[in-house]
Amino acid sequence: MVLSADVDLMHPPAALELQKHKLKRLVQSPNSFFMDVKCQGCFNITTVFSHSQTVVLCGSCSAVLCQPTGGRARLTEGCSFRRKGD
């Protein structure tokens, strides 16, 4: 008897692993990350934490780059970002 919910426990699909809690994954990893955010006005790049708890301003033009929410920080419209590290 084979069920449709059977999953290979040694090699689970990546999509299934991302849905799990950070401590229940096969290899524990955090949900947070650092990112480079490009300002929409002056194109200056600033490093921002994904779950920052304060408002982050651009260093040169003082524009708001992201605002805190309950979890992840919300980027201002028009700002582009990329993950650092990996």
N, C-alpha and C. Protein backbone atom coordinates (compact mmCIF):
# COMPACT_ATOMS: atom_id res chain seq x y z
N MET A 1 0.84 -1.18 0.00
CA MET A 1 0.00 0.00 0.00
C MET A 1 0.89 1.24 0.00
N VAL A 2 0.81 2.06 -1.03
CA VAL A 2 1.63 3.26 -1.17
C VAL A 2 0.71 4.47 -1.11
N LEU A 3 1.04 5.40 -0.24
CA LEU A 3 0.25 6.62 -0.10
C LEU A 3 0.86 7.74 -0.91
N SER A 4 0.05 8.69 -1.33
CA SER A 4 0.57 9.81 -2.12
C SER A 4 1.42 10.75 -1.26
N ALA A 5 1.29 10.67 0.06
CA ALA A 5 2.06 11.54 0.95
C ALA A 5 3.42 10.95 1.30
N ASP A 6 3.76 9.79 0.73
CA ASP A 6 5.07 9.20 1.00
C ASP A 6 6.17 10.06 0.40
N VAL A 7 7.16 10.37 1.22
CA VAL A 7 8.26 11.22 0.80
C VAL A 7 9.55 10.53 1.22
N ASP A 8 10.56 10.61 0.38
CA ASP A 8 11.87 10.07 0.71
C ASP A 8 12.47 10.91 1.84
N LEU A 9 12.63 10.35 3.03
CA LEU A 9 13.10 11.11 4.17
C LEU A 9 14.58 11.47 4.08
N MET A 10 15.34 10.71 3.34
CA MET A 10 16.76 11.02 3.19
C MET A 10 17.00 12.16 2.20
N HIS A 11 16.13 12.28 1.21
CA HIS A 11 16.28 13.32 0.19
C HIS A 11 14.93 13.99 -0.06
N PRO A 12 14.44 14.80 0.90
CA PRO A 12 13.14 15.45 0.71
C PRO A 12 13.22 16.55 -0.35
N PRO A 13 12.12 16.82 -1.02
CA PRO A 13 12.11 17.91 -2.01
C PRO A 13 12.38 19.26 -1.35
N ALA A 14 13.04 20.15 -2.07
CA ALA A 14 13.41 21.45 -1.53
C ALA A 14 12.18 22.28 -1.17
N ALA A 15 11.13 22.18 -1.98
CA ALA A 15 9.91 22.95 -1.70
C ALA A 15 9.27 22.52 -0.39
N LEU A 16 9.33 21.23 -0.11
CA LEU A 16 8.76 20.71 1.14
C LEU A 16 9.58 21.15 2.34
N GLU A 17 10.88 21.22 2.18
CA GLU A 17 11.76 21.64 3.28
C GLU A 17 11.56 23.12 3.62
N LEU A 18 11.30 23.95 2.63
CA LEU A 18 11.11 25.38 2.89
C LEU A 18 9.82 25.66 3.65
N GLN A 19 8.83 24.77 3.54
CA GLN A 19 7.57 24.97 4.24
C GLN A 19 7.66 24.62 5.72
N LYS A 20 8.64 23.80 6.08
CA LYS A 20 8.76 23.36 7.47
C LYS A 20 9.31 24.46 8.36
N HIS A 21 9.09 24.32 9.67
CA HIS A 21 9.64 25.23 10.65
C HIS A 21 11.16 25.15 10.62
N LYS A 22 11.83 26.23 10.95
CA LYS A 22 13.29 26.28 10.83
C LYS A 22 14.00 25.24 11.69
N LEU A 23 13.39 24.78 12.78
CA LEU A 23 14.02 23.78 13.63
C LEU A 23 13.63 22.35 13.25
N LYS A 24 12.62 22.18 12.41
CA LYS A 24 12.16 20.85 12.03
C LYS A 24 12.68 20.41 10.66
N ARG A 25 13.51 21.24 10.03
CA ARG A 25 14.09 20.88 8.74
C ARG A 25 15.15 19.80 8.94
N LEU A 26 15.49 19.12 7.86
CA LEU A 26 16.51 18.08 7.92
C LEU A 26 17.84 18.68 8.38
N VAL A 27 18.20 19.82 7.84
CA VAL A 27 19.35 20.59 8.30
C VAL A 27 18.81 21.94 8.75
N GLN A 28 18.96 22.24 10.04
CA GLN A 28 18.40 23.47 10.58
C GLN A 28 19.07 24.69 9.95
N SER A 29 18.26 25.65 9.57
CA SER A 29 18.79 26.89 9.01
C SER A 29 17.83 28.02 9.32
N PRO A 30 18.33 29.23 9.51
CA PRO A 30 17.46 30.35 9.87
C PRO A 30 16.66 30.85 8.67
N ASN A 31 15.58 31.55 8.95
CA ASN A 31 14.75 32.16 7.91
C ASN A 31 15.25 33.55 7.55
N SER A 32 16.09 34.14 8.38
CA SER A 32 16.55 35.51 8.18
C SER A 32 17.83 35.52 7.34
N PHE A 33 18.13 36.68 6.77
CA PHE A 33 19.31 36.84 5.93
C PHE A 33 19.64 38.32 5.82
N PHE A 34 20.85 38.61 5.37
CA PHE A 34 21.24 39.98 5.07
C PHE A 34 21.05 40.21 3.58
N MET A 35 20.75 41.44 3.21
CA MET A 35 20.53 41.74 1.80
C MET A 35 21.09 43.12 1.47
N ASP A 36 21.49 43.27 0.22
CA ASP A 36 21.91 44.56 -0.31
C ASP A 36 20.70 45.23 -0.93
N VAL A 37 20.36 46.42 -0.46
CA VAL A 37 19.20 47.16 -0.96
C VAL A 37 19.70 48.38 -1.71
N LYS A 38 19.20 48.56 -2.93
CA LYS A 38 19.60 49.71 -3.75
C LYS A 38 18.55 50.80 -3.62
N CYS A 39 18.99 51.98 -3.26
CA CYS A 39 18.10 53.13 -3.11
C CYS A 39 17.55 53.52 -4.48
N GLN A 40 16.27 53.88 -4.52
CA GLN A 40 15.65 54.23 -5.80
C GLN A 40 16.02 55.63 -6.27
N GLY A 41 16.45 56.49 -5.35
CA GLY A 41 16.77 57.86 -5.73
C GLY A 41 18.21 58.05 -6.16
N CYS A 42 19.15 57.58 -5.32
CA CYS A 42 20.57 57.85 -5.60
C CYS A 42 21.33 56.58 -6.01
N PHE A 43 20.68 55.43 -6.04
CA PHE A 43 21.27 54.14 -6.42
C PHE A 43 22.43 53.74 -5.52
N ASN A 44 22.40 54.21 -4.26
CA ASN A 44 23.39 53.82 -3.26
C ASN A 44 22.99 52.46 -2.70
N ILE A 45 23.95 51.57 -2.44
CA ILE A 45 23.65 50.23 -1.92
C ILE A 45 23.91 50.20 -0.42
N THR A 46 22.93 49.69 0.34
CA THR A 46 23.00 49.60 1.80
C THR A 46 22.72 48.16 2.21
N THR A 47 23.45 47.64 3.18
CA THR A 47 23.21 46.30 3.71
C THR A 47 22.15 46.37 4.80
N VAL A 48 21.11 45.53 4.67
CA VAL A 48 19.97 45.54 5.58
C VAL A 48 19.68 44.12 6.03
N PHE A 49 19.30 43.95 7.30
CA PHE A 49 18.87 42.65 7.82
C PHE A 49 17.42 42.42 7.41
N SER A 50 17.07 41.20 7.01
CA SER A 50 15.73 40.94 6.50
C SER A 50 14.64 41.10 7.54
N HIS A 51 14.96 40.90 8.81
CA HIS A 51 13.97 41.02 9.89
C HIS A 51 14.31 42.23 10.77
N SER A 52 14.75 43.33 10.17
CA SER A 52 15.16 44.50 10.95
C SER A 52 13.96 45.06 11.71
N GLN A 53 14.23 45.59 12.90
CA GLN A 53 13.17 46.08 13.77
C GLN A 53 13.14 47.60 13.84
N THR A 54 13.95 48.25 13.03
CA THR A 54 13.95 49.71 12.97
C THR A 54 13.83 50.15 11.52
N VAL A 55 13.45 51.39 11.32
CA VAL A 55 13.37 51.95 9.97
C VAL A 55 14.80 52.17 9.47
N VAL A 56 15.10 51.73 8.26
CA VAL A 56 16.43 51.87 7.69
C VAL A 56 16.39 52.98 6.64
N LEU A 57 17.30 53.94 6.79
CA LEU A 57 17.37 55.08 5.89
C LEU A 57 18.60 54.97 5.00
N CYS A 58 18.53 55.58 3.83
CA CYS A 58 19.68 55.64 2.92
C CYS A 58 20.73 56.55 3.55
N GLY A 59 22.00 56.18 3.44
CA GLY A 59 23.07 56.96 4.05
C GLY A 59 23.31 58.29 3.39
N SER A 60 23.06 58.40 2.09
CA SER A 60 23.38 59.65 1.41
C SER A 60 22.18 60.56 1.21
N CYS A 61 20.99 60.00 0.91
CA CYS A 61 19.85 60.88 0.64
C CYS A 61 18.75 60.79 1.70
N SER A 62 18.93 59.96 2.72
CA SER A 62 18.00 59.82 3.84
C SER A 62 16.59 59.36 3.43
N ALA A 63 16.49 58.64 2.33
CA ALA A 63 15.20 58.06 1.92
C ALA A 63 14.97 56.79 2.73
N VAL A 64 13.71 56.46 3.00
CA VAL A 64 13.37 55.26 3.75
C VAL A 64 13.52 54.05 2.84
N LEU A 65 14.37 53.08 3.25
CA LEU A 65 14.57 51.87 2.45
C LEU A 65 13.63 50.75 2.86
N CYS A 66 13.40 50.57 4.17
CA CYS A 66 12.48 49.53 4.62
C CYS A 66 11.89 49.92 5.97
N GLN A 67 10.69 49.37 6.22
CA GLN A 67 9.99 49.62 7.46
C GLN A 67 9.72 48.29 8.15
N PRO A 68 9.80 48.25 9.48
CA PRO A 68 9.58 46.98 10.19
C PRO A 68 8.11 46.59 10.20
N THR A 69 7.88 45.29 10.22
CA THR A 69 6.54 44.73 10.42
C THR A 69 6.68 43.75 11.58
N GLY A 70 5.74 42.88 11.76
CA GLY A 70 5.84 41.90 12.84
C GLY A 70 6.94 40.90 12.60
N GLY A 71 7.27 40.61 11.34
CA GLY A 71 8.30 39.62 11.01
C GLY A 71 9.35 40.24 10.12
N ARG A 72 9.22 39.99 8.83
CA ARG A 72 10.18 40.55 7.89
C ARG A 72 9.93 42.03 7.67
N ALA A 73 11.02 42.74 7.34
CA ALA A 73 10.89 44.17 7.06
C ALA A 73 10.30 44.35 5.66
N ARG A 74 9.48 45.36 5.51
CA ARG A 74 8.85 45.63 4.22
C ARG A 74 9.67 46.67 3.48
N LEU A 75 10.12 46.31 2.27
CA LEU A 75 10.89 47.25 1.45
C LEU A 75 9.99 48.31 0.86
N THR A 76 10.55 49.50 0.68
CA THR A 76 9.82 50.58 0.04
C THR A 76 9.67 50.26 -1.44
N GLU A 77 8.55 50.66 -2.02
CA GLU A 77 8.33 50.39 -3.44
C GLU A 77 9.41 51.05 -4.28
N GLY A 78 9.91 50.31 -5.25
CA GLY A 78 10.95 50.81 -6.13
C GLY A 78 12.35 50.40 -5.72
N CYS A 79 12.52 49.94 -4.47
CA CYS A 79 13.83 49.47 -4.01
C CYS A 79 14.05 48.04 -4.49
N SER A 80 15.22 47.76 -5.00
CA SER A 80 15.56 46.40 -5.40
C SER A 80 16.55 45.83 -4.39
N PHE A 81 16.58 44.50 -4.28
CA PHE A 81 17.46 43.87 -3.30
C PHE A 81 18.01 42.57 -3.86
N ARG A 82 19.08 42.09 -3.22
CA ARG A 82 19.62 40.76 -3.50
C ARG A 82 20.16 40.19 -2.20
N ARG A 83 20.05 38.89 -2.05
CA ARG A 83 20.53 38.22 -0.84
C ARG A 83 22.05 38.22 -0.82
N LYS A 84 22.59 38.42 0.37
CA LYS A 84 24.04 38.32 0.53
C LYS A 84 24.41 36.91 0.96
N GLY A 85 25.63 36.54 0.77
CA GLY A 85 26.11 35.25 1.27
C GLY A 85 26.12 34.21 0.18
N ASP A 86 25.15 33.30 0.23
CA ASP A 86 25.14 32.15 -0.68
C ASP A 86 25.56 32.54 -2.04
